[in-house]
Amino acid sequence: ELPIITTIVREVDPAAFVIVSEAR
């Protein structure tokens, strides 16, 4: 589902700051 999230952020706010981390 991660590509869906990044696509949404890029479409709404291309200047947003996104941090992705691994959840154990």
mmCIF file of all heavy atoms, coordinates in Angstrom:
data_MODEL
# 
_entry.id   MODEL 
# 
loop_
_atom_site.group_PDB 
_atom_site.id 
_atom_site.type_symbol 
_atom_site.label_atom_id 
_atom_site.label_alt_id 
_atom_site.label_comp_id 
_atom_site.label_asym_id 
_atom_site.label_entity_id 
_atom_site.label_seq_id 
_atom_site.pdbx_PDB_ins_code 
_atom_site.Cartn_x 
_atom_site.Cartn_y 
_atom_site.Cartn_z 
_atom_site.occupancy 
_atom_site.B_iso_or_equiv 
_atom_site.pdbx_formal_charge 
_atom_site.auth_seq_id 
_atom_site.auth_comp_id 
_atom_site.auth_asym_id 
_atom_site.auth_atom_id 
_atom_site.pdbx_PDB_model_num 
ATOM 1   N N   . GLU A 1 1  ? 0.816  -1.215 0.000  1.00 0.00 ? 1  GLU A N   1 
ATOM 2   C CA  . GLU A 1 1  ? 0.000  0.000  0.000  1.00 0.00 ? 1  GLU A CA  1 
ATOM 3   C C   . GLU A 1 1  ? 0.851  1.267  0.000  1.00 0.00 ? 1  GLU A C   1 
ATOM 4   O O   . GLU A 1 1  ? 0.319  2.372  -0.187 1.00 0.00 ? 1  GLU A O   1 
ATOM 5   C CB  . GLU A 1 1  ? -0.920 0.021  1.228  1.00 0.00 ? 1  GLU A CB  1 
ATOM 6   C CG  . GLU A 1 1  ? -1.951 -1.088 1.237  1.00 0.00 ? 1  GLU A CG  1 
ATOM 7   C CD  . GLU A 1 1  ? -2.707 -1.173 2.548  1.00 0.00 ? 1  GLU A CD  1 
ATOM 8   O OE1 . GLU A 1 1  ? -2.104 -0.879 3.600  1.00 0.00 ? 1  GLU A OE1 1 
ATOM 9   O OE2 . GLU A 1 1  ? -3.898 -1.549 2.519  1.00 0.00 ? 1  GLU A OE2 1 
ATOM 10  N N   . LEU A 1 2  ? 2.146  1.127  0.189  1.00 0.00 ? 2  LEU A N   1 
ATOM 11  C CA  . LEU A 1 2  ? 3.019  2.295  0.278  1.00 0.00 ? 2  LEU A CA  1 
ATOM 12  C C   . LEU A 1 2  ? 3.002  3.146  -0.990 1.00 0.00 ? 2  LEU A C   1 
ATOM 13  O O   . LEU A 1 2  ? 2.947  4.386  -0.898 1.00 0.00 ? 2  LEU A O   1 
ATOM 14  C CB  . LEU A 1 2  ? 4.445  1.845  0.611  1.00 0.00 ? 2  LEU A CB  1 
ATOM 15  C CG  . LEU A 1 2  ? 5.456  2.956  0.890  1.00 0.00 ? 2  LEU A CG  1 
ATOM 16  C CD1 . LEU A 1 2  ? 4.985  3.834  2.052  1.00 0.00 ? 2  LEU A CD1 1 
ATOM 17  C CD2 . LEU A 1 2  ? 6.822  2.355  1.198  1.00 0.00 ? 2  LEU A CD2 1 
ATOM 18  N N   . PRO A 1 3  ? 3.024  2.567  -2.197 1.00 0.00 ? 3  PRO A N   1 
ATOM 19  C CA  . PRO A 1 3  ? 2.948  3.421  -3.399 1.00 0.00 ? 3  PRO A CA  1 
ATOM 20  C C   . PRO A 1 3  ? 1.672  4.248  -3.462 1.00 0.00 ? 3  PRO A C   1 
ATOM 21  O O   . PRO A 1 3  ? 1.691  5.370  -3.995 1.00 0.00 ? 3  PRO A O   1 
ATOM 22  C CB  . PRO A 1 3  ? 3.018  2.404  -4.554 1.00 0.00 ? 3  PRO A CB  1 
ATOM 23  C CG  . PRO A 1 3  ? 3.694  1.217  -3.977 1.00 0.00 ? 3  PRO A CG  1 
ATOM 24  C CD  . PRO A 1 3  ? 3.254  1.150  -2.551 1.00 0.00 ? 3  PRO A CD  1 
ATOM 25  N N   . ILE A 1 4  ? 0.568  3.712  -2.940 1.00 0.00 ? 4  ILE A N   1 
ATOM 26  C CA  . ILE A 1 4  ? -0.684 4.479  -2.933 1.00 0.00 ? 4  ILE A CA  1 
ATOM 27  C C   . ILE A 1 4  ? -0.527 5.713  -2.052 1.00 0.00 ? 4  ILE A C   1 
ATOM 28  O O   . ILE A 1 4  ? -0.969 6.821  -2.409 1.00 0.00 ? 4  ILE A O   1 
ATOM 29  C CB  . ILE A 1 4  ? -1.853 3.597  -2.437 1.00 0.00 ? 4  ILE A CB  1 
ATOM 30  C CG1 . ILE A 1 4  ? -2.010 2.366  -3.327 1.00 0.00 ? 4  ILE A CG1 1 
ATOM 31  C CG2 . ILE A 1 4  ? -3.150 4.386  -2.381 1.00 0.00 ? 4  ILE A CG2 1 
ATOM 32  C CD1 . ILE A 1 4  ? -3.061 1.390  -2.825 1.00 0.00 ? 4  ILE A CD1 1 
ATOM 33  N N   . ILE A 1 5  ? 0.106  5.536  -0.880 1.00 0.00 ? 5  ILE A N   1 
ATOM 34  C CA  . ILE A 1 5  ? 0.292  6.653  0.042  1.00 0.00 ? 5  ILE A CA  1 
ATOM 35  C C   . ILE A 1 5  ? 1.167  7.725  -0.594 1.00 0.00 ? 5  ILE A C   1 
ATOM 36  O O   . ILE A 1 5  ? 0.853  8.934  -0.545 1.00 0.00 ? 5  ILE A O   1 
ATOM 37  C CB  . ILE A 1 5  ? 0.927  6.166  1.361  1.00 0.00 ? 5  ILE A CB  1 
ATOM 38  C CG1 . ILE A 1 5  ? 0.049  5.091  2.018  1.00 0.00 ? 5  ILE A CG1 1 
ATOM 39  C CG2 . ILE A 1 5  ? 1.158  7.335  2.307  1.00 0.00 ? 5  ILE A CG2 1 
ATOM 40  C CD1 . ILE A 1 5  ? -1.311 5.568  2.419  1.00 0.00 ? 5  ILE A CD1 1 
ATOM 41  N N   . THR A 1 6  ? 2.270  7.341  -1.194 1.00 0.00 ? 6  THR A N   1 
ATOM 42  C CA  . THR A 1 6  ? 3.173  8.331  -1.795 1.00 0.00 ? 6  THR A CA  1 
ATOM 43  C C   . THR A 1 6  ? 2.511  9.040  -2.973 1.00 0.00 ? 6  THR A C   1 
ATOM 44  O O   . THR A 1 6  ? 2.750  10.242 -3.195 1.00 0.00 ? 6  THR A O   1 
ATOM 45  C CB  . THR A 1 6  ? 4.473  7.658  -2.252 1.00 0.00 ? 6  THR A CB  1 
ATOM 46  O OG1 . THR A 1 6  ? 4.162  6.554  -3.136 1.00 0.00 ? 6  THR A OG1 1 
ATOM 47  C CG2 . THR A 1 6  ? 5.252  7.122  -1.054 1.00 0.00 ? 6  THR A CG2 1 
ATOM 48  N N   . THR A 1 7  ? 1.670  8.341  -3.715 1.00 0.00 ? 7  THR A N   1 
ATOM 49  C CA  . THR A 1 7  ? 0.947  8.973  -4.829 1.00 0.00 ? 7  THR A CA  1 
ATOM 50  C C   . THR A 1 7  ? -0.024 10.026 -4.308 1.00 0.00 ? 7  THR A C   1 
ATOM 51  O O   . THR A 1 7  ? -0.123 11.131 -4.861 1.00 0.00 ? 7  THR A O   1 
ATOM 52  C CB  . THR A 1 7  ? 0.190  7.921  -5.645 1.00 0.00 ? 7  THR A CB  1 
ATOM 53  O OG1 . THR A 1 7  ? 1.110  6.975  -6.182 1.00 0.00 ? 7  THR A OG1 1 
ATOM 54  C CG2 . THR A 1 7  ? -0.589 8.574  -6.784 1.00 0.00 ? 7  THR A CG2 1 
ATOM 55  N N   . ILE A 1 8  ? -0.740 9.693  -3.234 1.00 0.00 ? 8  ILE A N   1 
ATOM 56  C CA  . ILE A 1 8  ? -1.678 10.652 -2.639 1.00 0.00 ? 8  ILE A CA  1 
ATOM 57  C C   . ILE A 1 8  ? -0.943 11.900 -2.180 1.00 0.00 ? 8  ILE A C   1 
ATOM 58  O O   . ILE A 1 8  ? -1.371 13.036 -2.443 1.00 0.00 ? 8  ILE A O   1 
ATOM 59  C CB  . ILE A 1 8  ? -2.432 9.992  -1.461 1.00 0.00 ? 8  ILE A CB  1 
ATOM 60  C CG1 . ILE A 1 8  ? -3.387 8.915  -1.980 1.00 0.00 ? 8  ILE A CG1 1 
ATOM 61  C CG2 . ILE A 1 8  ? -3.193 11.037 -0.651 1.00 0.00 ? 8  ILE A CG2 1 
ATOM 62  C CD1 . ILE A 1 8  ? -4.026 8.096  -0.873 1.00 0.00 ? 8  ILE A CD1 1 
ATOM 63  N N   . VAL A 1 9  ? 0.175  11.708 -1.485 1.00 0.00 ? 9  VAL A N   1 
ATOM 64  C CA  . VAL A 1 9  ? 0.931  12.858 -0.973 1.00 0.00 ? 9  VAL A CA  1 
ATOM 65  C C   . VAL A 1 9  ? 1.445  13.707 -2.128 1.00 0.00 ? 9  VAL A C   1 
ATOM 66  O O   . VAL A 1 9  ? 1.374  14.952 -2.086 1.00 0.00 ? 9  VAL A O   1 
ATOM 67  C CB  . VAL A 1 9  ? 2.094  12.379 -0.089 1.00 0.00 ? 9  VAL A CB  1 
ATOM 68  C CG1 . VAL A 1 9  ? 2.947  13.563 0.352  1.00 0.00 ? 9  VAL A CG1 1 
ATOM 69  C CG2 . VAL A 1 9  ? 1.561  11.639 1.130  1.00 0.00 ? 9  VAL A CG2 1 
ATOM 70  N N   . ARG A 1 10 ? 1.952  13.079 -3.157 1.00 0.00 ? 10 ARG A N   1 
ATOM 71  C CA  . ARG A 1 10 ? 2.486  13.837 -4.296 1.00 0.00 ? 10 ARG A CA  1 
ATOM 72  C C   . ARG A 1 10 ? 1.395  14.647 -4.989 1.00 0.00 ? 10 ARG A C   1 
ATOM 73  O O   . ARG A 1 10 ? 1.622  15.785 -5.420 1.00 0.00 ? 10 ARG A O   1 
ATOM 74  C CB  . ARG A 1 10 ? 3.140  12.874 -5.294 1.00 0.00 ? 10 ARG A CB  1 
ATOM 75  C CG  . ARG A 1 10 ? 3.827  13.587 -6.455 1.00 0.00 ? 10 ARG A CG  1 
ATOM 76  C CD  . ARG A 1 10 ? 4.576  12.626 -7.362 1.00 0.00 ? 10 ARG A CD  1 
ATOM 77  N NE  . ARG A 1 10 ? 3.661  11.658 -7.976 1.00 0.00 ? 10 ARG A NE  1 
ATOM 78  C CZ  . ARG A 1 10 ? 3.619  10.359 -7.662 1.00 0.00 ? 10 ARG A CZ  1 
ATOM 79  N NH1 . ARG A 1 10 ? 4.440  9.883  -6.723 1.00 0.00 ? 10 ARG A NH1 1 
ATOM 80  N NH2 . ARG A 1 10 ? 2.787  9.550  -8.274 1.00 0.00 ? 10 ARG A NH2 1 
ATOM 81  N N   . GLU A 1 11 ? 0.194  14.065 -5.089 1.00 0.00 ? 11 GLU A N   1 
ATOM 82  C CA  . GLU A 1 11 ? -0.896 14.773 -5.753 1.00 0.00 ? 11 GLU A CA  1 
ATOM 83  C C   . GLU A 1 11 ? -1.429 15.936 -4.918 1.00 0.00 ? 11 GLU A C   1 
ATOM 84  O O   . GLU A 1 11 ? -1.786 16.991 -5.457 1.00 0.00 ? 11 GLU A O   1 
ATOM 85  C CB  . GLU A 1 11 ? -2.039 13.800 -6.061 1.00 0.00 ? 11 GLU A CB  1 
ATOM 86  C CG  . GLU A 1 11 ? -1.688 12.771 -7.135 1.00 0.00 ? 11 GLU A CG  1 
ATOM 87  C CD  . GLU A 1 11 ? -2.808 11.758 -7.343 1.00 0.00 ? 11 GLU A CD  1 
ATOM 88  O OE1 . GLU A 1 11 ? -3.778 11.791 -6.549 1.00 0.00 ? 11 GLU A OE1 1 
ATOM 89  O OE2 . GLU A 1 11 ? -2.725 10.959 -8.290 1.00 0.00 ? 11 GLU A OE2 1 
ATOM 90  N N   . VAL A 1 12 ? -1.490 15.759 -3.598 1.00 0.00 ? 12 VAL A N   1 
ATOM 91  C CA  . VAL A 1 12 ? -2.063 16.802 -2.737 1.00 0.00 ? 12 VAL A CA  1 
ATOM 92  C C   . VAL A 1 12 ? -1.037 17.873 -2.401 1.00 0.00 ? 12 VAL A C   1 
ATOM 93  O O   . VAL A 1 12 ? -1.322 19.076 -2.459 1.00 0.00 ? 12 VAL A O   1 
ATOM 94  C CB  . VAL A 1 12 ? -2.634 16.173 -1.445 1.00 0.00 ? 12 VAL A CB  1 
ATOM 95  C CG1 . VAL A 1 12 ? -3.154 17.256 -0.497 1.00 0.00 ? 12 VAL A CG1 1 
ATOM 96  C CG2 . VAL A 1 12 ? -3.750 15.189 -1.775 1.00 0.00 ? 12 VAL A CG2 1 
ATOM 97  N N   . ASP A 1 13 ? 0.164  17.463 -2.021 1.00 0.00 ? 13 ASP A N   1 
ATOM 98  C CA  . ASP A 1 13 ? 1.191  18.420 -1.600 1.00 0.00 ? 13 ASP A CA  1 
ATOM 99  C C   . ASP A 1 13 ? 2.565  17.913 -2.028 1.00 0.00 ? 13 ASP A C   1 
ATOM 100 O O   . ASP A 1 13 ? 3.240  17.182 -1.280 1.00 0.00 ? 13 ASP A O   1 
ATOM 101 C CB  . ASP A 1 13 ? 1.136  18.612 -0.081 1.00 0.00 ? 13 ASP A CB  1 
ATOM 102 C CG  . ASP A 1 13 ? 2.146  19.651 0.395  1.00 0.00 ? 13 ASP A CG  1 
ATOM 103 O OD1 . ASP A 1 13 ? 2.753  20.328 -0.455 1.00 0.00 ? 13 ASP A OD1 1 
ATOM 104 O OD2 . ASP A 1 13 ? 2.330  19.777 1.626  1.00 0.00 ? 13 ASP A OD2 1 
ATOM 105 N N   . PRO A 1 14 ? 3.005  18.290 -3.215 1.00 0.00 ? 14 PRO A N   1 
ATOM 106 C CA  . PRO A 1 14 ? 4.309  17.819 -3.701 1.00 0.00 ? 14 PRO A CA  1 
ATOM 107 C C   . PRO A 1 14 ? 5.482  18.261 -2.829 1.00 0.00 ? 14 PRO A C   1 
ATOM 108 O O   . PRO A 1 14 ? 6.561  17.666 -2.900 1.00 0.00 ? 14 PRO A O   1 
ATOM 109 C CB  . PRO A 1 14 ? 4.410  18.448 -5.100 1.00 0.00 ? 14 PRO A CB  1 
ATOM 110 C CG  . PRO A 1 14 ? 3.004  18.790 -5.478 1.00 0.00 ? 14 PRO A CG  1 
ATOM 111 C CD  . PRO A 1 14 ? 2.311  19.134 -4.209 1.00 0.00 ? 14 PRO A CD  1 
ATOM 112 N N   . ALA A 1 15 ? 5.282  19.299 -2.008 1.00 0.00 ? 15 ALA A N   1 
ATOM 113 C CA  . ALA A 1 15 ? 6.362  19.789 -1.149 1.00 0.00 ? 15 ALA A CA  1 
ATOM 114 C C   . ALA A 1 15 ? 6.364  19.118 0.220  1.00 0.00 ? 15 ALA A C   1 
ATOM 115 O O   . ALA A 1 15 ? 7.148  19.507 1.095  1.00 0.00 ? 15 ALA A O   1 
ATOM 116 C CB  . ALA A 1 15 ? 6.239  21.306 -0.981 1.00 0.00 ? 15 ALA A CB  1 
ATOM 117 N N   . ALA A 1 16 ? 5.517  18.121 0.429  1.00 0.00 ? 16 ALA A N   1 
ATOM 118 C CA  . ALA A 1 16 ? 5.435  17.458 1.733  1.00 0.00 ? 16 ALA A CA  1 
ATOM 119 C C   . ALA A 1 16 ? 6.714  16.679 2.022  1.00 0.00 ? 16 ALA A C   1 
ATOM 120 O O   . ALA A 1 16 ? 7.465  16.304 1.111  1.00 0.00 ? 16 ALA A O   1 
ATOM 121 C CB  . ALA A 1 16 ? 4.228  16.526 1.770  1.00 0.00 ? 16 ALA A CB  1 
ATOM 122 N N   . PHE A 1 17 ? 6.944  16.441 3.310  1.00 0.00 ? 17 PHE A N   1 
ATOM 123 C CA  . PHE A 1 17 ? 8.106  15.673 3.771  1.00 0.00 ? 17 PHE A CA  1 
ATOM 124 C C   . PHE A 1 17 ? 7.592  14.334 4.301  1.00 0.00 ? 17 PHE A C   1 
ATOM 125 O O   . PHE A 1 17 ? 6.731  14.305 5.193  1.00 0.00 ? 17 PHE A O   1 
ATOM 126 C CB  . PHE A 1 17 ? 8.826  16.450 4.873  1.00 0.00 ? 17 PHE A CB  1 
ATOM 127 C CG  . PHE A 1 17 ? 10.183 15.904 5.213  1.00 0.00 ? 17 PHE A CG  1 
ATOM 128 C CD1 . PHE A 1 17 ? 11.252 16.060 4.351  1.00 0.00 ? 17 PHE A CD1 1 
ATOM 129 C CD2 . PHE A 1 17 ? 10.385 15.213 6.395  1.00 0.00 ? 17 PHE A CD2 1 
ATOM 130 C CE1 . PHE A 1 17 ? 12.499 15.569 4.668  1.00 0.00 ? 17 PHE A CE1 1 
ATOM 131 C CE2 . PHE A 1 17 ? 11.625 14.709 6.719  1.00 0.00 ? 17 PHE A CE2 1 
ATOM 132 C CZ  . PHE A 1 17 ? 12.691 14.888 5.855  1.00 0.00 ? 17 PHE A CZ  1 
ATOM 133 N N   . VAL A 1 18 ? 8.098  13.229 3.761  1.00 0.00 ? 18 VAL A N   1 
ATOM 134 C CA  . VAL A 1 18 ? 7.587  11.891 4.092  1.00 0.00 ? 18 VAL A CA  1 
ATOM 135 C C   . VAL A 1 18 ? 8.720  11.046 4.653  1.00 0.00 ? 18 VAL A C   1 
ATOM 136 O O   . VAL A 1 18 ? 9.805  10.982 4.075  1.00 0.00 ? 18 VAL A O   1 
ATOM 137 C CB  . VAL A 1 18 ? 6.978  11.194 2.851  1.00 0.00 ? 18 VAL A CB  1 
ATOM 138 C CG1 . VAL A 1 18 ? 6.443  9.811  3.220  1.00 0.00 ? 18 VAL A CG1 1 
ATOM 139 C CG2 . VAL A 1 18 ? 5.863  12.050 2.255  1.00 0.00 ? 18 VAL A CG2 1 
ATOM 140 N N   . ILE A 1 19 ? 8.441  10.401 5.763  1.00 0.00 ? 19 ILE A N   1 
ATOM 141 C CA  . ILE A 1 19 ? 9.400  9.486  6.389  1.00 0.00 ? 19 ILE A CA  1 
ATOM 142 C C   . ILE A 1 19 ? 8.757  8.110  6.442  1.00 0.00 ? 19 ILE A C   1 
ATOM 143 O O   . ILE A 1 19 ? 7.639  7.958  6.956  1.00 0.00 ? 19 ILE A O   1 
ATOM 144 C CB  . ILE A 1 19 ? 9.775  9.931  7.816  1.00 0.00 ? 19 ILE A CB  1 
ATOM 145 C CG1 . ILE A 1 19 ? 10.350 11.344 7.793  1.00 0.00 ? 19 ILE A CG1 1 
ATOM 146 C CG2 . ILE A 1 19 ? 10.766 8.957  8.447  1.00 0.00 ? 19 ILE A CG2 1 
ATOM 147 C CD1 . ILE A 1 19 ? 10.573 11.929 9.174  1.00 0.00 ? 19 ILE A CD1 1 
ATOM 148 N N   . VAL A 1 20 ? 9.447  7.108  5.938  1.00 0.00 ? 20 VAL A N   1 
ATOM 149 C CA  . VAL A 1 20 ? 8.947  5.731  5.940  1.00 0.00 ? 20 VAL A CA  1 
ATOM 150 C C   . VAL A 1 20 ? 9.912  4.879  6.757  1.00 0.00 ? 20 VAL A C   1 
ATOM 151 O O   . VAL A 1 20 ? 11.115 4.877  6.497  1.00 0.00 ? 20 VAL A O   1 
ATOM 152 C CB  . VAL A 1 20 ? 8.822  5.163  4.512  1.00 0.00 ? 20 VAL A CB  1 
ATOM 153 C CG1 . VAL A 1 20 ? 8.287  3.734  4.562  1.00 0.00 ? 20 VAL A CG1 1 
ATOM 154 C CG2 . VAL A 1 20 ? 7.920  6.049  3.663  1.00 0.00 ? 20 VAL A CG2 1 
ATOM 155 N N   . SER A 1 21 ? 9.386  4.170  7.749  1.00 0.00 ? 21 SER A N   1 
ATOM 156 C CA  . SER A 1 21 ? 10.215 3.298  8.575  1.00 0.00 ? 21 SER A CA  1 
ATOM 157 C C   . SER A 1 21 ? 9.582  1.921  8.662  1.00 0.00 ? 21 SER A C   1 
ATOM 158 O O   . SER A 1 21 ? 8.374  1.761  8.443  1.00 0.00 ? 21 SER A O   1 
ATOM 159 C CB  . SER A 1 21 ? 10.390 3.882  9.988  1.00 0.00 ? 21 SER A CB  1 
ATOM 160 O OG  . SER A 1 21 ? 9.143  3.965  10.648 1.00 0.00 ? 21 SER A OG  1 
ATOM 161 N N   . GLU A 1 22 ? 10.410 0.943  8.975  1.00 0.00 ? 22 GLU A N   1 
ATOM 162 C CA  . GLU A 1 22 ? 9.927  -0.432 9.109  1.00 0.00 ? 22 GLU A CA  1 
ATOM 163 C C   . GLU A 1 22 ? 9.306  -0.626 10.481 1.00 0.00 ? 22 GLU A C   1 
ATOM 164 O O   . GLU A 1 22 ? 9.900  -0.261 11.499 1.00 0.00 ? 22 GLU A O   1 
ATOM 165 C CB  . GLU A 1 22 ? 11.080 -1.414 8.913  1.00 0.00 ? 22 GLU A CB  1 
ATOM 166 C CG  . GLU A 1 22 ? 10.654 -2.878 8.995  1.00 0.00 ? 22 GLU A CG  1 
ATOM 167 C CD  . GLU A 1 22 ? 11.818 -3.819 8.774  1.00 0.00 ? 22 GLU A CD  1 
ATOM 168 O OE1 . GLU A 1 22 ? 12.910 -3.338 8.427  1.00 0.00 ? 22 GLU A OE1 1 
ATOM 169 O OE2 . GLU A 1 22 ? 11.627 -5.038 8.946  1.00 0.00 ? 22 GLU A OE2 1 
ATOM 170 N N   . ALA A 1 23 ? 8.115  -1.184 10.528 1.00 0.00 ? 23 ALA A N   1 
ATOM 171 C CA  . ALA A 1 23 ? 7.438  -1.490 11.787 1.00 0.00 ? 23 ALA A CA  1 
ATOM 172 C C   . ALA A 1 23 ? 7.653  -2.966 12.098 1.00 0.00 ? 23 ALA A C   1 
ATOM 173 O O   . ALA A 1 23 ? 7.335  -3.833 11.283 1.00 0.00 ? 23 ALA A O   1 
ATOM 174 C CB  . ALA A 1 23 ? 5.943  -1.189 11.694 1.00 0.00 ? 23 ALA A CB  1 
ATOM 175 N N   . ARG A 1 24 ? 8.215  -3.252 13.261 1.00 0.00 ? 24 ARG A N   1 
ATOM 176 C CA  . ARG A 1 24 ? 8.491  -4.644 13.615 1.00 0.00 ? 24 ARG A CA  1 
ATOM 177 C C   . ARG A 1 24 ? 7.210  -5.455 13.760 1.00 0.00 ? 24 ARG A C   1 
ATOM 178 O O   . ARG A 1 24 ? 7.141  -6.605 13.360 1.00 0.00 ? 24 ARG A O   1 
ATOM 179 C CB  . ARG A 1 24 ? 9.273  -4.688 14.931 1.00 0.00 ? 24 ARG A CB  1 
ATOM 180 C CG  . ARG A 1 24 ? 10.566 -3.926 14.911 1.00 0.00 ? 24 ARG A CG  1 
ATOM 181 C CD  . ARG A 1 24 ? 11.570 -4.517 13.973 1.00 0.00 ? 24 ARG A CD  1 
ATOM 182 N NE  . ARG A 1 24 ? 12.019 -5.830 14.394 1.00 0.00 ? 24 ARG A NE  1 
ATOM 183 C CZ  . ARG A 1 24 ? 12.882 -6.573 13.706 1.00 0.00 ? 24 ARG A CZ  1 
ATOM 184 N NH1 . ARG A 1 24 ? 13.352 -6.140 12.557 1.00 0.00 ? 24 ARG A NH1 1 
ATOM 185 N NH2 . ARG A 1 24 ? 13.254 -7.742 14.153 1.00 0.00 ? 24 ARG A NH2 1 
# 
